[in-house]
Amino acid sequence: MVRFPDIETFIGLAAGPEYQQQAPALREAALERTLWMVTQPPEV
């Protein structure tokens, strides 16, 4: 499980050149076993 402080941080990582270079091979292998759960913490 990976937690990001906000959506902008996740987008920044996913758009980064290092991730973009490594992602295609890893993404294809992970598609069989990946579940995305996008949530927000409860408002206090």
Protein backbone atom coordinates (compact mmCIF):
# COMPACT_ATOMS: atom_id res chain seq x y z
CA MET A 1 0.00 0.00 0.00
CA VAL A 2 1.25 3.45 -0.83
CA ARG A 3 -0.11 6.64 0.70
CA PHE A 4 0.42 10.11 -0.74
CA PRO A 5 -0.37 13.30 1.17
CA ASP A 6 -2.44 14.63 -1.74
CA ILE A 7 -3.31 13.98 -5.38
CA GLU A 8 -0.81 16.57 -6.58
CA THR A 9 2.05 14.63 -5.02
CA PHE A 10 0.91 11.43 -6.72
CA ILE A 11 0.57 13.17 -10.08
CA GLY A 12 4.04 14.67 -9.67
CA LEU A 13 5.52 11.24 -9.07
CA ALA A 14 3.63 9.60 -11.93
CA ALA A 15 4.62 12.37 -14.34
CA GLY A 16 8.30 12.29 -13.37
CA PRO A 17 10.86 11.14 -15.95
CA GLU A 18 12.30 8.33 -13.78
CA TYR A 19 8.86 6.83 -13.19
CA GLN A 20 7.93 7.22 -16.85
CA GLN A 21 11.07 5.37 -17.88
CA GLN A 22 10.53 2.44 -15.50
CA ALA A 23 6.75 2.29 -15.48
CA PRO A 24 5.84 0.45 -18.72
CA ALA A 25 7.40 -2.90 -17.79
CA LEU A 26 6.31 -2.70 -14.17
CA ARG A 27 2.79 -1.54 -15.03
CA GLU A 28 2.14 -4.40 -17.42
CA ALA A 29 3.28 -6.97 -14.87
CA ALA A 30 1.24 -5.36 -12.10
CA LEU A 31 -2.07 -5.09 -13.97
CA GLU A 32 -3.03 -8.63 -13.03
CA ARG A 33 -2.84 -7.88 -9.32
CA THR A 34 -3.37 -4.15 -8.78
CA LEU A 35 -6.28 -2.49 -7.03
CA TRP A 36 -6.48 1.30 -6.92
CA MET A 37 -8.34 2.81 -3.98
CA VAL A 38 -8.46 6.59 -4.12
CA THR A 39 -9.68 8.01 -0.84
CA GLN A 40 -9.67 11.20 1.15
CA PRO A 41 -9.27 11.42 4.91
CA PRO A 42 -12.43 12.34 6.83
CA GLU A 43 -12.89 16.02 7.46
CA VAL A 44 -12.36 17.02 11.05
